Amino acid sequence: MLKLVLFIIIGSQWLRVTNGVSVLPVPIGFIIGLIFTTYDHFIIDRKIEYAVLLMAAFIGFWIPMGINLIV
């Protein structure tokens, strides 16, 4: 259960690079979460972990979570 909460927190993190007018969102937490799931020793079920990561990435895109980088 704690591992799924960790995937929700990590998967919802985004890096938003702002260049005055345009914004480039990068799902950095989703990428880190995918790396964690591929090298995981205690596999619950990868399909569940991928679904939790994808859901957290969609929620994190609409909620202002993560890092905003202004260039």
N, C-alpha and C. Protein backbone atom coordinates (compact mmCIF):
# COMPACT_ATOMS: atom_id res chain seq x y z
N MET A 1 0.82 -1.19 0.00
CA MET A 1 0.00 0.00 0.00
C MET A 1 0.87 1.26 0.00
N LEU A 2 1.93 1.23 0.79
CA LEU A 2 2.82 2.38 0.86
C LEU A 2 3.53 2.62 -0.48
N LYS A 3 3.80 1.54 -1.19
CA LYS A 3 4.44 1.66 -2.50
C LYS A 3 3.52 2.33 -3.50
N LEU A 4 2.23 2.04 -3.45
CA LEU A 4 1.29 2.69 -4.36
C LEU A 4 1.14 4.17 -4.04
N VAL A 5 1.18 4.53 -2.76
CA VAL A 5 1.15 5.94 -2.38
C VAL A 5 2.40 6.65 -2.89
N LEU A 6 3.53 5.99 -2.80
CA LEU A 6 4.77 6.55 -3.33
C LEU A 6 4.68 6.77 -4.83
N PHE A 7 4.08 5.83 -5.55
CA PHE A 7 3.92 6.00 -7.00
C PHE A 7 2.97 7.14 -7.33
N ILE A 8 1.95 7.35 -6.50
CA ILE A 8 1.03 8.48 -6.74
C ILE A 8 1.75 9.80 -6.54
N ILE A 9 2.55 9.90 -5.49
CA ILE A 9 3.26 11.15 -5.22
C ILE A 9 4.32 11.42 -6.29
N ILE A 10 5.09 10.41 -6.64
CA ILE A 10 6.14 10.60 -7.66
C ILE A 10 5.53 10.83 -9.03
N GLY A 11 4.51 10.08 -9.38
CA GLY A 11 3.92 10.20 -10.71
C GLY A 11 3.23 11.51 -10.99
N SER A 12 2.84 12.23 -9.95
CA SER A 12 2.14 13.49 -10.15
C SER A 12 3.07 14.68 -10.32
N GLN A 13 4.37 14.48 -10.26
CA GLN A 13 5.33 15.58 -10.38
C GLN A 13 5.61 15.90 -11.85
N TRP A 14 5.53 17.18 -12.18
CA TRP A 14 5.77 17.67 -13.54
C TRP A 14 6.82 18.76 -13.49
N LEU A 15 7.58 18.88 -14.55
CA LEU A 15 8.51 19.99 -14.74
C LEU A 15 7.93 20.86 -15.84
N ARG A 16 7.57 22.09 -15.49
CA ARG A 16 6.99 23.01 -16.47
C ARG A 16 8.01 24.09 -16.79
N VAL A 17 8.49 24.12 -18.03
CA VAL A 17 9.45 25.12 -18.48
C VAL A 17 8.67 26.23 -19.17
N THR A 18 8.77 27.44 -18.63
CA THR A 18 8.02 28.58 -19.15
C THR A 18 8.99 29.53 -19.85
N ASN A 19 8.64 29.89 -21.07
CA ASN A 19 9.44 30.81 -21.86
C ASN A 19 8.59 32.03 -22.22
N GLY A 20 8.22 32.81 -21.23
CA GLY A 20 7.42 34.00 -21.48
C GLY A 20 6.01 33.68 -21.93
N VAL A 21 5.85 33.21 -23.16
CA VAL A 21 4.53 32.96 -23.74
C VAL A 21 4.16 31.48 -23.68
N SER A 22 5.08 30.61 -24.02
CA SER A 22 4.76 29.19 -24.12
C SER A 22 5.20 28.42 -22.88
N VAL A 23 4.51 27.32 -22.63
CA VAL A 23 4.81 26.45 -21.49
C VAL A 23 5.04 25.04 -22.03
N LEU A 24 6.16 24.42 -21.63
CA LEU A 24 6.48 23.05 -22.03
C LEU A 24 6.42 22.15 -20.81
N PRO A 25 5.35 21.36 -20.66
CA PRO A 25 5.27 20.44 -19.51
C PRO A 25 5.99 19.11 -19.81
N VAL A 26 6.80 18.67 -18.86
CA VAL A 26 7.54 17.41 -18.99
C VAL A 26 7.16 16.53 -17.80
N PRO A 27 6.67 15.31 -18.05
CA PRO A 27 6.27 14.42 -16.94
C PRO A 27 7.46 13.73 -16.29
N ILE A 28 8.24 14.48 -15.54
CA ILE A 28 9.46 13.94 -14.95
C ILE A 28 9.17 12.86 -13.90
N GLY A 29 8.10 13.01 -13.14
CA GLY A 29 7.74 12.02 -12.13
C GLY A 29 7.29 10.71 -12.75
N PHE A 30 6.59 10.80 -13.89
CA PHE A 30 6.17 9.59 -14.59
C PHE A 30 7.37 8.81 -15.11
N ILE A 31 8.37 9.53 -15.61
CA ILE A 31 9.58 8.88 -16.13
C ILE A 31 10.36 8.22 -15.00
N ILE A 32 10.48 8.90 -13.86
CA ILE A 32 11.17 8.32 -12.70
C ILE A 32 10.39 7.11 -12.17
N GLY A 33 9.07 7.20 -12.16
CA GLY A 33 8.24 6.08 -11.72
C GLY A 33 8.38 4.86 -12.62
N LEU A 34 8.49 5.09 -13.93
CA LEU A 34 8.71 3.96 -14.85
C LEU A 34 10.05 3.29 -14.60
N ILE A 35 11.06 4.07 -14.28
CA ILE A 35 12.36 3.49 -13.95
C ILE A 35 12.26 2.66 -12.67
N PHE A 36 11.54 3.17 -11.66
CA PHE A 36 11.36 2.41 -10.42
C PHE A 36 10.62 1.10 -10.65
N THR A 37 9.62 1.11 -11.51
CA THR A 37 8.85 -0.13 -11.72
C THR A 37 9.63 -1.17 -12.50
N THR A 38 10.53 -0.74 -13.38
CA THR A 38 11.30 -1.73 -14.14
C THR A 38 12.38 -2.40 -13.29
N TYR A 39 12.92 -1.70 -12.29
CA TYR A 39 13.97 -2.26 -11.44
C TYR A 39 13.46 -2.59 -10.04
N ASP A 40 12.21 -2.97 -9.92
CA ASP A 40 11.60 -3.24 -8.63
C ASP A 40 11.79 -4.70 -8.26
N HIS A 41 12.22 -4.95 -7.02
CA HIS A 41 12.43 -6.33 -6.56
C HIS A 41 11.16 -6.95 -6.02
N PHE A 42 10.30 -6.14 -5.41
CA PHE A 42 9.06 -6.62 -4.83
C PHE A 42 7.90 -6.22 -5.75
N ILE A 43 7.69 -6.99 -6.76
CA ILE A 43 6.69 -6.66 -7.78
C ILE A 43 5.30 -7.03 -7.26
N ILE A 44 4.42 -6.03 -7.15
CA ILE A 44 3.02 -6.31 -6.81
C ILE A 44 2.37 -6.84 -8.08
N ASP A 45 2.20 -5.98 -9.02
CA ASP A 45 1.74 -6.31 -10.35
C ASP A 45 2.05 -5.09 -11.21
N ARG A 46 2.86 -5.27 -12.21
CA ARG A 46 3.31 -4.11 -12.99
C ARG A 46 2.16 -3.38 -13.67
N LYS A 47 1.12 -4.11 -14.06
CA LYS A 47 -0.01 -3.44 -14.70
C LYS A 47 -0.69 -2.48 -13.73
N ILE A 48 -0.80 -2.85 -12.47
CA ILE A 48 -1.39 -1.97 -11.47
C ILE A 48 -0.49 -0.77 -11.23
N GLU A 49 0.82 -1.01 -11.16
CA GLU A 49 1.75 0.09 -10.94
C GLU A 49 1.73 1.07 -12.11
N TYR A 50 1.68 0.56 -13.33
CA TYR A 50 1.61 1.45 -14.50
C TYR A 50 0.30 2.25 -14.51
N ALA A 51 -0.80 1.61 -14.13
CA ALA A 51 -2.09 2.31 -14.09
C ALA A 51 -2.09 3.41 -13.03
N VAL A 52 -1.50 3.15 -11.88
CA VAL A 52 -1.43 4.16 -10.82
C VAL A 52 -0.55 5.33 -11.27
N LEU A 53 0.58 5.02 -11.92
CA LEU A 53 1.45 6.08 -12.43
C LEU A 53 0.75 6.93 -13.48
N LEU A 54 0.04 6.29 -14.39
CA LEU A 54 -0.65 7.03 -15.44
C LEU A 54 -1.76 7.91 -14.87
N MET A 55 -2.51 7.38 -13.91
CA MET A 55 -3.56 8.17 -13.27
C MET A 55 -2.97 9.36 -12.52
N ALA A 56 -1.87 9.16 -11.82
CA ALA A 56 -1.23 10.25 -11.09
C ALA A 56 -0.66 11.29 -12.03
N ALA A 57 -0.16 10.86 -13.19
CA ALA A 57 0.37 11.83 -14.16
C ALA A 57 -0.75 12.70 -14.73
N PHE A 58 -1.90 12.12 -15.01
CA PHE A 58 -3.03 12.91 -15.51
C PHE A 58 -3.54 13.88 -14.45
N ILE A 59 -3.62 13.44 -13.21
CA ILE A 59 -4.06 14.33 -12.15
C ILE A 59 -3.03 15.42 -11.89
N GLY A 60 -1.76 15.07 -11.91
CA GLY A 60 -0.70 16.04 -11.68
C GLY A 60 -0.57 17.07 -12.79
N PHE A 61 -1.05 16.74 -13.98
CA PHE A 61 -1.01 17.71 -15.07
C PHE A 61 -1.99 18.85 -14.83
N TRP A 62 -3.15 18.56 -14.29
CA TRP A 62 -4.18 19.58 -14.08
C TRP A 62 -4.02 20.31 -12.75
N ILE A 63 -3.46 19.65 -11.76
CA ILE A 63 -3.20 20.29 -10.47
C ILE A 63 -1.79 20.88 -10.53
N PRO A 64 -1.61 22.12 -10.09
CA PRO A 64 -0.28 22.73 -10.19
C PRO A 64 0.71 22.14 -9.19
N MET A 65 1.21 20.93 -9.50
CA MET A 65 2.21 20.27 -8.67
C MET A 65 3.48 20.14 -9.47
N GLY A 66 4.59 20.16 -8.80
CA GLY A 66 5.86 19.97 -9.46
C GLY A 66 6.71 21.22 -9.43
N ILE A 67 7.58 21.33 -10.41
CA ILE A 67 8.55 22.42 -10.47
C ILE A 67 8.25 23.30 -11.65
N ASN A 68 8.19 24.61 -11.42
CA ASN A 68 8.02 25.58 -12.50
C ASN A 68 9.36 26.25 -12.73
N LEU A 69 9.87 26.13 -13.96
CA LEU A 69 11.15 26.69 -14.33
C LEU A 69 10.90 27.79 -15.36
N ILE A 70 11.28 29.02 -15.02
CA ILE A 70 11.08 30.15 -15.92
C ILE A 70 12.40 30.47 -16.59
N VAL A 71 12.39 30.42 -17.93
CA VAL A 71 13.62 30.66 -18.70
C VAL A 71 13.57 32.05 -19.28
